[in-house]
C-alpha atoms as a PDB file:
ATOM      1  CA  MET A   1     115.418  84.925 100.933  1.00  0.00           C
ATOM      2  CA  SER A   2     118.165  83.349 102.834  1.00  0.00           C
ATOM      3  CA  ARG A   3     120.883  85.633 103.382  1.00  0.00           C
ATOM      4  CA  SER A   4     120.469  89.432 105.288  1.00  0.00           C
ATOM      5  CA  VAL A   5     119.306  92.159 103.230  1.00  0.00           C
ATOM      6  CA  LYS A   6     121.138  95.893 103.465  1.00  0.00           C
ATOM      7  CA  LYS A   7     118.387  98.274 102.612  1.00  0.00           C
ATOM      8  CA  LEU A   8     119.003 100.304  99.891  1.00  0.00           C
ATOM      9  CA  THR A   9     118.971 104.242 101.408  1.00  0.00           C
ATOM     10  CA  GLY A  10     120.956 107.417  99.944  1.00  0.00           C
ATOM     11  CA  LEU A  11     122.659 108.622  96.572  1.00  0.00           C
ATOM     12  CA  VAL A  12     122.473 106.226  93.855  1.00  0.00           C
ATOM     13  CA  ALA A  13     124.133 107.229  90.402  1.00  0.00           C
ATOM     14  CA  ALA A  14     122.134 105.692  87.673  1.00  0.00           C
ATOM     15  CA  THR A  15     124.854 105.465  85.489  1.00  0.00           C
ATOM     16  CA  PHE A  16     125.408 105.890  81.574  1.00  0.00           C
ATOM     17  CA  THR A  17     126.444 103.313  79.561  1.00  0.00           C
ATOM     18  CA  PRO A  18     130.086 104.173  77.995  1.00  0.00           C
ATOM     19  CA  LEU A  19     130.588 103.618  74.052  1.00  0.00           C
ATOM     20  CA  THR A  20     133.058 104.086  71.778  1.00  0.00           C
ATOM     21  CA  ALA A  21     132.600 106.008  69.062  1.00  0.00           C
ATOM     22  CA  GLU A  22     131.855 103.278  66.807  1.00  0.00           C
ATOM     23  CA  GLY A  23     128.964 102.800  68.856  1.00  0.00           C
ATOM     24  CA  GLU A  24     130.296  99.470  70.719  1.00  0.00           C
ATOM     25  CA  ILE A  25     129.986  99.480  74.924  1.00  0.00           C
ATOM     26  CA  ASN A  26     133.658 100.468  76.158  1.00  0.00           C
ATOM     27  CA  LEU A  27     134.366  98.612  79.640  1.00  0.00           C
ATOM     28  CA  SER A  28     137.700 100.066  79.977  1.00  0.00           C
ATOM     29  CA  VAL A  29     135.881 103.043  81.508  1.00  0.00           C
ATOM     30  CA  ILE A  30     134.137 101.103  84.322  1.00  0.00           C
ATOM     31  CA  GLY A  31     136.722 101.131  86.598  1.00  0.00           C
ATOM     32  CA  PRO A  32     137.422 104.393  86.350  1.00  0.00           C
ATOM     33  CA  TYR A  33     133.927 105.292  86.789  1.00  0.00           C
ATOM     34  CA  ILE A  34     133.625 103.729  89.945  1.00  0.00           C
ATOM     35  CA  ASP A  35     136.810 105.415  91.354  1.00  0.00           C
ATOM     36  CA  TYR A  36     135.466 109.066  90.231  1.00  0.00           C
ATOM     37  CA  LEU A  37     131.823 108.290  92.130  1.00  0.00           C
ATOM     38  CA  ILE A  38     133.044 107.265  95.357  1.00  0.00           C
ATOM     39  CA  GLU A  39     136.154 109.506  95.409  1.00  0.00           C
ATOM     40  CA  LYS A  40     134.839 112.549  93.262  1.00  0.00           C
ATOM     41  CA  GLN A  41     130.920 112.247  94.043  1.00  0.00           C
ATOM     42  CA  ASN A  42     130.986 110.339  97.609  1.00  0.00           C
ATOM     43  CA  VAL A  43     128.309 107.875  95.643  1.00  0.00           C
ATOM     44  CA  LYS A  44     128.791 104.383  96.602  1.00  0.00           C
ATOM     45  CA  SER A  45     126.318 102.146  95.474  1.00  0.00           C
ATOM     46  CA  VAL A  46     124.972 102.036  91.454  1.00  0.00           C
ATOM     47  CA  PHE A  47     121.547 101.360  89.207  1.00  0.00           C
ATOM     48  CA  ILE A  48     122.431 100.254  85.750  1.00  0.00           C
ATOM     49  CA  ASN A  49     121.404  99.517  82.846  1.00  0.00           C
ATOM     50  CA  GLY A  50     118.375 101.475  83.587  1.00  0.00           C
ATOM     51  CA  THR A  51     117.070 104.561  81.499  1.00  0.00           C
ATOM     52  CA  THR A  52     120.054 106.485  81.977  1.00  0.00           C
ATOM     53  CA  GLY A  53     122.182 103.293  81.001  1.00  0.00           C
ATOM     54  CA  GLU A  54     120.080 103.328  77.371  1.00  0.00           C
ATOM     55  CA  GLY A  55     119.415  99.621  78.941  1.00  0.00           C
ATOM     56  CA  PHE A  56     116.509  99.094  76.009  1.00  0.00           C
ATOM     57  CA  SER A  57     118.552  99.876  73.272  1.00  0.00           C
ATOM     58  CA  LEU A  58     121.498  97.791  74.595  1.00  0.00           C
ATOM     59  CA  THR A  59     121.477  93.379  73.207  1.00  0.00           C
ATOM     60  CA  VAL A  60     120.802  91.327  76.468  1.00  0.00           C
ATOM     61  CA  ASP A  61     124.607  89.883  75.931  1.00  0.00           C
ATOM     62  CA  GLU A  62     125.889  93.829  76.144  1.00  0.00           C
ATOM     63  CA  ARG A  63     123.695  93.884  79.508  1.00  0.00           C
ATOM     64  CA  LYS A  64     125.655  90.850  80.610  1.00  0.00           C
ATOM     65  CA  GLN A  65     128.744  92.581  79.964  1.00  0.00           C
ATOM     66  CA  LEU A  66     127.839  95.468  81.554  1.00  0.00           C
ATOM     67  CA  ALA A  67     126.860  94.011  84.863  1.00  0.00           C
ATOM     68  CA  ALA A  68     129.799  91.899  84.670  1.00  0.00           C
ATOM     69  CA  ALA A  69     132.751  94.318  84.603  1.00  0.00           C
ATOM     70  CA  TRP A  70     130.537  96.496  87.679  1.00  0.00           C
ATOM     71  CA  CYS A  71     130.449  93.573  89.853  1.00  0.00           C
ATOM     72  CA  GLN A  72     133.777  92.997  89.090  1.00  0.00           C
ATOM     73  CA  HIS A  73     135.458  96.264  89.437  1.00  0.00           C
ATOM     74  CA  GLY A  74     132.668  97.383  92.043  1.00  0.00           C
ATOM     75  CA  LYS A  75     133.805  94.490  94.365  1.00  0.00           C
ATOM     76  CA  ALA A  76     135.123  95.925  98.124  1.00  0.00           C
ATOM     77  CA  LYS A  77     134.381  99.541  96.694  1.00  0.00           C
ATOM     78  CA  LEU A  78     131.151  99.992  95.516  1.00  0.00           C
ATOM     79  CA  GLU A  79     127.892  99.161  98.647  1.00  0.00           C
ATOM     80  CA  GLN A  80     125.403  98.122  96.439  1.00  0.00           C
ATOM     81  CA  VAL A  81     125.306  96.805  92.572  1.00  0.00           C
ATOM     82  CA  ILE A  82     121.610  97.145  91.322  1.00  0.00           C
ATOM     83  CA  VAL A  83     121.340  95.709  87.863  1.00  0.00           C
ATOM     84  CA  HIS A  84     118.127  96.719  86.041  1.00  0.00           C
ATOM     85  CA  VAL A  85     116.804  93.405  83.808  1.00  0.00           C
ATOM     86  CA  GLY A  86     113.792  94.353  82.672  1.00  0.00           C
ATOM     87  CA  CYS A  87     112.699  93.669  79.223  1.00  0.00           C
ATOM     88  CA  MET A  88     110.147  93.161  76.430  1.00  0.00           C
ATOM     89  CA  SER A  89     110.384  89.753  76.308  1.00  0.00           C
ATOM     90  CA  ILE A  90     109.711  87.840  79.789  1.00  0.00           C
ATOM     91  CA  LYS A  91     112.432  85.075  78.743  1.00  0.00           C
ATOM     92  CA  ASP A  92     115.483  88.138  78.835  1.00  0.00           C
ATOM     93  CA  SER A  93     114.404  89.511  81.663  1.00  0.00           C
ATOM     94  CA  GLN A  94     114.812  86.441  83.660  1.00  0.00           C
ATOM     95  CA  GLU A  95     118.084  85.559  81.808  1.00  0.00           C
ATOM     96  CA  LEU A  96     119.371  88.987  83.336  1.00  0.00           C
ATOM     97  CA  ALA A  97     117.998  87.680  86.629  1.00  0.00           C
ATOM     98  CA  ARG A  98     119.875  84.821  86.365  1.00  0.00           C
ATOM     99  CA  HIS A  99     122.586  85.975  85.094  1.00  0.00           C
ATOM    100  CA  ALA A 100     122.724  89.185  88.424  1.00  0.00           C
ATOM    101  CA  ALA A 101     122.480  86.449  90.274  1.00  0.00           C
ATOM    102  CA  SER A 102     125.338  84.191  89.170  1.00  0.00           C
ATOM    103  CA  ILE A 103     127.574  87.610  89.564  1.00  0.00           C
ATOM    104  CA  GLY A 104     127.471  88.676  92.953  1.00  0.00           C
ATOM    105  CA  ALA A 105     124.780  91.977  91.906  1.00  0.00           C
ATOM    106  CA  ASP A 106     123.523  92.779  95.224  1.00  0.00           C
ATOM    107  CA  GLY A 107     119.497  93.711  93.753  1.00  0.00           C
ATOM    108  CA  ILE A 108     117.940  93.481  90.727  1.00  0.00           C
ATOM    109  CA  ALA A 109     115.441  96.032  89.396  1.00  0.00           C
ATOM    110  CA  VAL A 110     112.508  95.708  86.870  1.00  0.00           C
ATOM    111  CA  ILE A 111     110.339  97.882  85.071  1.00  0.00           C
ATOM    112  CA  SER A 112     106.816  96.980  83.394  1.00  0.00           C
ATOM    113  CA  PRO A 113     106.693  95.904  79.736  1.00  0.00           C
ATOM    114  CA  SER A 114     105.361  98.530  77.454  1.00  0.00           C
ATOM    115  CA  TYR A 115     104.578  97.258  74.322  1.00  0.00           C
ATOM    116  CA  PHE A 116     102.308  94.565  75.261  1.00  0.00           C
ATOM    117  CA  LYS A 117     101.067  96.459  78.476  1.00  0.00           C
ATOM    118  CA  PRO A 118     100.065  94.814  82.004  1.00  0.00           C
ATOM    119  CA  ILE A 119      96.082  95.327  82.038  1.00  0.00           C
ATOM    120  CA  ASN A 120      96.011  95.665  85.681  1.00  0.00           C
ATOM    121  CA  ALA A 121      98.203  95.538  88.877  1.00  0.00           C
ATOM    122  CA  ASP A 122      97.603  91.974  89.324  1.00  0.00           C
ATOM    123  CA  ALA A 123      99.050  91.237  85.606  1.00  0.00           C
ATOM    124  CA  LEU A 124     102.378  93.279  86.216  1.00  0.00           C
ATOM    125  CA  ARG A 125     102.890  91.572  90.125  1.00  0.00           C
ATOM    126  CA  LEU A 126     102.631  88.093  87.918  1.00  0.00           C
ATOM    127  CA  TYR A 127     104.950  89.583  85.759  1.00  0.00           C
ATOM    128  CA  LEU A 128     107.297  90.662  88.413  1.00  0.00           C
ATOM    129  CA  LYS A 129     107.250  87.406  90.100  1.00  0.00           C
ATOM    130  CA  GLU A 130     108.242  85.509  87.562  1.00  0.00           C
ATOM    131  CA  VAL A 131     111.485  87.027  86.743  1.00  0.00           C
ATOM    132  CA  SER A 132     112.257  86.997  90.619  1.00  0.00           C
ATOM    133  CA  THR A 133     111.919  82.871  90.218  1.00  0.00           C
ATOM    134  CA  TYR A 134     115.144  83.446  88.314  1.00  0.00           C
ATOM    135  CA  ALA A 135     116.972  85.290  91.323  1.00  0.00           C
ATOM    136  CA  PRO A 136     115.350  84.215  94.393  1.00  0.00           C
ATOM    137  CA  ASP A 137     118.013  85.193  96.806  1.00  0.00           C
ATOM    138  CA  LEU A 138     118.429  88.949  95.080  1.00  0.00           C
ATOM    139  CA  PRO A 139     116.389  92.017  96.570  1.00  0.00           C
ATOM    140  CA  MET A 140     114.096  92.924  93.904  1.00  0.00           C
ATOM    141  CA  TYR A 141     112.860  96.327  93.219  1.00  0.00           C
ATOM    142  CA  TYR A 142     109.996  97.349  91.128  1.00  0.00           C
ATOM    143  CA  TYR A 143     111.271  99.984  88.439  1.00  0.00           C
ATOM    144  CA  HIS A 144     107.742 102.575  88.266  1.00  0.00           C
ATOM    145  CA  ILE A 145     108.565 105.012  85.680  1.00  0.00           C
ATOM    146  CA  PRO A 146     105.389 105.623  84.038  1.00  0.00           C
ATOM    147  CA  GLY A 147     106.484 108.635  81.740  1.00  0.00           C
ATOM    148  CA  MET A 148     108.622 106.045  79.272  1.00  0.00           C
ATOM    149  CA  THR A 149     106.589 103.220  79.897  1.00  0.00           C
ATOM    150  CA  GLY A 150     102.996 104.311  79.522  1.00  0.00           C
ATOM    151  CA  VAL A 151     101.893 102.040  82.282  1.00  0.00           C
ATOM    152  CA  ALA A 152      99.429 104.079  84.451  1.00  0.00           C
ATOM    153  CA  LEU A 153      99.033 102.023  87.096  1.00  0.00           C
ATOM    154  CA  ASP A 154      99.579 103.318  90.828  1.00  0.00           C
ATOM    155  CA  ALA A 155     102.567 101.881  92.272  1.00  0.00           C
ATOM    156  CA  ALA A 156     100.958 101.384  95.909  1.00  0.00           C
ATOM    157  CA  ASP A 157      98.499  99.136  93.259  1.00  0.00           C
ATOM    158  CA  VAL A 158     101.204  97.132  92.071  1.00  0.00           C
ATOM    159  CA  LEU A 159     103.056  96.739  95.891  1.00  0.00           C
ATOM    160  CA  ASN A 160      99.579  95.926  97.659  1.00  0.00           C
ATOM    161  CA  GLY A 161     100.040  92.177  98.509  1.00  0.00           C
ATOM    162  CA  ILE A 162     103.328  91.724  96.489  1.00  0.00           C
ATOM    163  CA  GLU A 163     104.883  90.096  99.447  1.00  0.00           C
ATOM    164  CA  ARG A 164     103.044  87.249  99.832  1.00  0.00           C
ATOM    165  CA  MET A 165     104.105  86.231  96.119  1.00  0.00           C
ATOM    166  CA  ILE A 166     107.635  87.434  95.875  1.00  0.00           C
ATOM    167  CA  PRO A 167     109.734  87.013  99.315  1.00  0.00           C
ATOM    168  CA  SER A 168     112.495  88.696  97.899  1.00  0.00           C
ATOM    169  CA  PHE A 169     110.865  91.967  97.129  1.00  0.00           C
ATOM    170  CA  GLN A 170     112.446  95.161  98.745  1.00  0.00           C
ATOM    171  CA  GLY A 171     110.957  98.052  97.490  1.00  0.00           C
ATOM    172  CA  VAL A 172     110.306  99.988  94.655  1.00  0.00           C
ATOM    173  CA  LYS A 173     112.314 103.122  92.672  1.00  0.00           C
ATOM    174  CA  TYR A 174     109.387 105.868  92.191  1.00  0.00           C
ATOM    175  CA  THR A 175     109.929 108.170  88.773  1.00  0.00           C
ATOM    176  CA  GLY A 176     107.050 109.545  88.942  1.00  0.00           C
ATOM    177  CA  THR A 177     105.613 112.914  90.051  1.00  0.00           C
ATOM    178  CA  ASP A 178     101.749 111.562  91.735  1.00  0.00           C
ATOM    179  CA  LEU A 179     102.717 112.459  95.033  1.00  0.00           C
ATOM    180  CA  ARG A 180      99.922 110.617  96.390  1.00  0.00           C
ATOM    181  CA  ASP A 181     100.689 107.766  95.187  1.00  0.00           C
ATOM    182  CA  LEU A 182     103.918 108.414  96.661  1.00  0.00           C
ATOM    183  CA  GLY A 183     103.321 108.373  99.804  1.00  0.00           C
ATOM    184  CA  GLN A 184     100.989 105.630  99.790  1.00  0.00           C
ATOM    185  CA  CYS A 185     104.389 103.511  98.445  1.00  0.00           C
ATOM    186  CA  VAL A 186     106.089 104.973 101.561  1.00  0.00           C
ATOM    187  CA  CYS A 187     103.217 104.109 103.945  1.00  0.00           C
ATOM    188  CA  TYR A 188     102.901 100.400 102.844  1.00  0.00           C
ATOM    189  CA  SER A 189     106.664  99.978 102.512  1.00  0.00           C
ATOM    190  CA  GLN A 190     107.227 101.226 106.312  1.00  0.00           C
ATOM    191  CA  SER A 191     105.796  97.595 107.554  1.00  0.00           C
ATOM    192  CA  HIS A 192     107.779  95.600 105.368  1.00  0.00           C
ATOM    193  CA  ASN A 193     111.300  97.728 105.831  1.00  0.00           C
ATOM    194  CA  TRP A 194     111.726  98.549 102.147  1.00  0.00           C
ATOM    195  CA  SER A 195     113.223 100.740 100.202  1.00  0.00           C
ATOM    196  CA  VAL A 196     111.410 103.610  98.567  1.00  0.00           C
ATOM    197  CA  MET A 197     113.759 105.228  96.170  1.00  0.00           C
ATOM    198  CA  PHE A 198     112.665 108.276  94.399  1.00  0.00           C
ATOM    199  CA  GLY A 199     113.685 109.194  90.705  1.00  0.00           C
ATOM    200  CA  ILE A 200     112.949 112.523  89.739  1.00  0.00           C
ATOM    201  CA  ASP A 201     116.359 114.896  90.835  1.00  0.00           C
ATOM    202  CA  GLU A 202     114.842 117.843  90.638  1.00  0.00           C
ATOM    203  CA  GLN A 203     111.866 117.027  92.497  1.00  0.00           C
ATOM    204  CA  LEU A 204     113.896 115.278  95.618  1.00  0.00           C
ATOM    205  CA  LEU A 205     113.151 117.705  98.647  1.00  0.00           C
ATOM    206  CA  GLY A 206     109.080 117.098  98.342  1.00  0.00           C
ATOM    207  CA  ALA A 207     109.816 113.444  97.847  1.00  0.00           C
ATOM    208  CA  LEU A 208     112.146 114.197 101.105  1.00  0.00           C
ATOM    209  CA  VAL A 209     109.576 115.232 103.355  1.00  0.00           C
ATOM    210  CA  LEU A 210     107.330 112.169 101.799  1.00  0.00           C
ATOM    211  CA  GLY A 211     109.937 109.995 104.024  1.00  0.00           C
ATOM    212  CA  VAL A 212     111.525 108.387 101.120  1.00  0.00           C
ATOM    213  CA  HIS A 213     114.656 106.637 101.574  1.00  0.00           C
ATOM    214  CA  GLY A 214     116.659 107.726  99.232  1.00  0.00           C
ATOM    215  CA  ALA A 215     117.081 108.672  95.528  1.00  0.00           C
ATOM    216  CA  VAL A 216     118.398 106.699  92.321  1.00  0.00           C
ATOM    217  CA  GLY A 217     119.347 109.396  89.509  1.00  0.00           C
ATOM    218  CA  SER A 218     121.688 110.889  86.652  1.00  0.00           C
ATOM    219  CA  THR A 219     122.570 113.842  88.149  1.00  0.00           C
ATOM    220  CA  TYR A 220     123.998 112.325  91.144  1.00  0.00           C
ATOM    221  CA  ASN A 221     126.863 110.969  88.416  1.00  0.00           C
ATOM    222  CA  TYR A 222     128.400 114.645  88.657  1.00  0.00           C
ATOM    223  CA  LEU A 223     126.328 116.523  91.508  1.00  0.00           C
ATOM    224  CA  GLY A 224     126.378 113.617  94.051  1.00  0.00           C
ATOM    225  CA  CYS A 225     128.846 115.927  96.778  1.00  0.00           C
ATOM    226  CA  ARG A 226     126.115 118.630  96.497  1.00  0.00           C
ATOM    227  CA  VAL A 227     122.840 116.760  96.595  1.00  0.00           C
ATOM    228  CA  ASN A 228     124.629 114.932  99.148  1.00  0.00           C
ATOM    229  CA  GLN A 229     124.997 117.886 101.634  1.00  0.00           C
ATOM    230  CA  MET A 230     121.648 118.991 100.715  1.00  0.00           C
ATOM    231  CA  LEU A 231     120.295 114.821 102.401  1.00  0.00           C
ATOM    232  CA  ALA A 232     122.598 115.625 105.659  1.00  0.00           C
ATOM    233  CA  ALA A 233     120.917 119.144 106.062  1.00  0.00           C
ATOM    234  CA  PHE A 234     117.592 117.464 105.691  1.00  0.00           C
ATOM    235  CA  ASP A 235     118.270 114.160 108.323  1.00  0.00           C
ATOM    236  CA  ASN A 236     119.921 117.530 110.921  1.00  0.00           C
ATOM    237  CA  GLY A 237     116.769 119.243 110.876  1.00  0.00           C
ATOM    238  CA  ASN A 238     118.346 122.016 109.059  1.00  0.00           C
ATOM    239  CA  HIS A 239     115.472 122.493 106.594  1.00  0.00           C
ATOM    240  CA  MET A 240     116.244 125.868 105.608  1.00  0.00           C
ATOM    241  CA  GLN A 241     119.695 125.329 104.098  1.00  0.00           C
ATOM    242  CA  THR A 242     117.870 122.003 102.316  1.00  0.00           C
ATOM    243  CA  ARG A 243     115.202 124.300 100.708  1.00  0.00           C
ATOM    244  CA  ALA A 244     118.417 126.596  99.516  1.00  0.00           C
ATOM    245  CA  LEU A 245     120.162 124.086  98.264  1.00  0.00           C
ATOM    246  CA  GLN A 246     117.400 122.264  96.221  1.00  0.00           C
ATOM    247  CA  GLU A 247     116.662 125.911  94.969  1.00  0.00           C
ATOM    248  CA  VAL A 248     119.675 126.500  93.800  1.00  0.00           C
ATOM    249  CA  TYR A 249     119.512 122.980  92.196  1.00  0.00           C
ATOM    250  CA  PHE A 250     116.317 123.249  90.873  1.00  0.00           C
ATOM    251  CA  TYR A 251     117.308 126.470  89.353  1.00  0.00           C
ATOM    252  CA  HIS A 252     120.900 124.881  87.715  1.00  0.00           C
ATOM    253  CA  TYR A 253     118.382 122.108  86.638  1.00  0.00           C
ATOM    254  CA  TYR A 254     116.082 124.706  84.594  1.00  0.00           C
ATOM    255  CA  LEU A 255     118.881 126.620  83.613  1.00  0.00           C
ATOM    256  CA  CYS A 256     120.179 123.923  81.688  1.00  0.00           C
ATOM    257  CA  SER A 257     117.388 121.852  81.097  1.00  0.00           C
ATOM    258  CA  ALA A 258     116.317 122.850  76.850  1.00  0.00           C
ATOM    259  CA  GLY A 259     116.727 119.793  75.440  1.00  0.00           C
ATOM    260  CA  PHE A 260     117.972 117.719  78.938  1.00  0.00           C
ATOM    261  CA  ASP A 261     117.449 114.115  77.500  1.00  0.00           C
ATOM    262  CA  VAL A 262     119.548 111.680  77.989  1.00  0.00           C
ATOM    263  CA  SER A 263     122.005 112.210  75.247  1.00  0.00           C
ATOM    264  CA  VAL A 264     122.673 115.825  76.281  1.00  0.00           C
ATOM    265  CA  ASN A 265     123.152 114.400  80.154  1.00  0.00           C
ATOM    266  CA  LYS A 266     125.872 111.523  79.145  1.00  0.00           C
ATOM    267  CA  GLN A 267     127.781 114.316  76.814  1.00  0.00           C
ATOM    268  CA  VAL A 268     127.364 116.609  79.817  1.00  0.00           C
ATOM    269  CA  MET A 269     128.716 113.756  82.041  1.00  0.00           C
ATOM    270  CA  SER A 270     131.788 113.280  80.092  1.00  0.00           C
ATOM    271  CA  GLU A 271     132.630 117.324  80.035  1.00  0.00           C
ATOM    272  CA  VAL A 272     132.472 117.380  83.690  1.00  0.00           C
ATOM    273  CA  SER A 273     134.232 113.981  85.078  1.00  0.00           C
ATOM    274  CA  GLY A 274     137.052 113.701  82.093  1.00  0.00           C
ATOM    275  CA  LEU A 275     135.682 110.339  81.534  1.00  0.00           C
ATOM    276  CA  ALA A 276     134.831 109.684  77.922  1.00  0.00           C
ATOM    277  CA  MET A 277     131.306 108.215  77.806  1.00  0.00           C
ATOM    278  CA  GLY A 278     131.054 108.283  73.861  1.00  0.00           C
ATOM    279  CA  PRO A 279     127.926 108.810  72.052  1.00  0.00           C
ATOM    280  CA  PRO A 280     124.479 107.434  72.627  1.00  0.00           C
ATOM    281  CA  ARG A 281     123.203 104.739  71.017  1.00  0.00           C
ATOM    282  CA  LEU A 282     120.416 105.893  68.034  1.00  0.00           C
ATOM    283  CA  PRO A 283     117.454 106.551  67.743  1.00  0.00           C
ATOM    284  CA  LEU A 284     119.303 109.361  70.194  1.00  0.00           C
ATOM    285  CA  LEU A 285     121.215 111.859  68.490  1.00  0.00           C
ATOM    286  CA  GLN A 286     124.872 113.103  69.703  1.00  0.00           C
ATOM    287  CA  CYS A 287     124.751 116.468  71.461  1.00  0.00           C
ATOM    288  CA  PRO A 288     126.829 119.183  70.625  1.00  0.00           C
ATOM    289  CA  VAL A 289     130.075 119.320  72.595  1.00  0.00           C
ATOM    290  CA  SER A 290     129.615 123.342  72.836  1.00  0.00           C
ATOM    291  CA  LYS A 291     126.090 122.835  73.879  1.00  0.00           C
ATOM    292  CA  ALA A 292     127.478 120.070  76.817  1.00  0.00           C
ATOM    293  CA  GLN A 293     130.353 122.235  77.395  1.00  0.00           C
ATOM    294  CA  ALA A 294     128.187 125.436  78.617  1.00  0.00           C
ATOM    295  CA  ILE A 295     125.573 122.693  80.501  1.00  0.00           C
ATOM    296  CA  ALA A 296     129.033 121.597  82.423  1.00  0.00           C
ATOM    297  CA  GLN A 297     130.299 124.991  83.342  1.00  0.00           C
ATOM    298  CA  LYS A 298     127.058 126.014  84.920  1.00  0.00           C
ATOM    299  CA  ILE A 299     127.092 122.471  86.536  1.00  0.00           C
ATOM    300  CA  LYS A 300     131.004 122.774  87.847  1.00  0.00           C
ATOM    301  CA  ASP A 301     130.296 126.017  89.560  1.00  0.00           C
ATOM    302  CA  PHE A 302     127.310 125.055  91.547  1.00  0.00           C
ATOM    303  CA  SER A 303     129.275 122.034  92.739  1.00  0.00           C
ATOM    304  CA  GLN A 304     131.680 124.696  93.877  1.00  0.00           C
ATOM    305  CA  GLY A 305     129.356 126.690  95.844  1.00  0.00           C
ATOM    306  CA  HIS A 306     129.010 129.856  93.409  1.00  0.00           C
END
């Protein structure tokens, strides 16, 4: 990598993909979406086309259009736009990586293929390397989410020695519950100044104690302000306040968690923000508005400190 890299830290919103009622991508929402994140949630970095963004339900062309819109509207507003480029086909991943570099993205993230799975860490590192060559000057992050991919490799094993294969490697988005593996990732990343970003919102406090540098998650779209308060309390050593905020967050999460999948979360975002996120794409089913409204009211109460 030839350019200096701004380390990815703090809260990063895993963004939803706005769709029209007919199921087409709705780029007109991106500009107001960015303003909402910055002005209402104090969240200034985004992770697009990932799980929350239904990336694997989008075509390569749709993913390019969305990435271009986020980079265009986010210029001089957002601190970092990280584009998830992982696909089942390495050729598609490479093309999305090349495109991300061409539009001024701040980094790319790559998930493991999950139909034909890498047999070991060496195979996954080689896959990541071959994608990185199409955007050699962009920071690359490994997106570890075994609950979705079914790839049970330890992330720490994937990171071991990866800097010798991928000079642009800058860290991992860790969406898993194995704290031993997470801790090893943090330890290995320290000497390289990489970012370890945690991806399970309701378990963030445990990850902070282990030394992660920030978090990427869907609930930061509409609870960013409250979670930023938790991060500030933790940084200031106010552990009682940190625990209190996490406990309330945890309580509200599980109060709302029955069937709280991407489709429900997306409708909740529409209700809380007032932005038209639209329906999810099949096979996800649209959430009943009444259910989303009830959850949204609990979230508004939490956001206001009730």
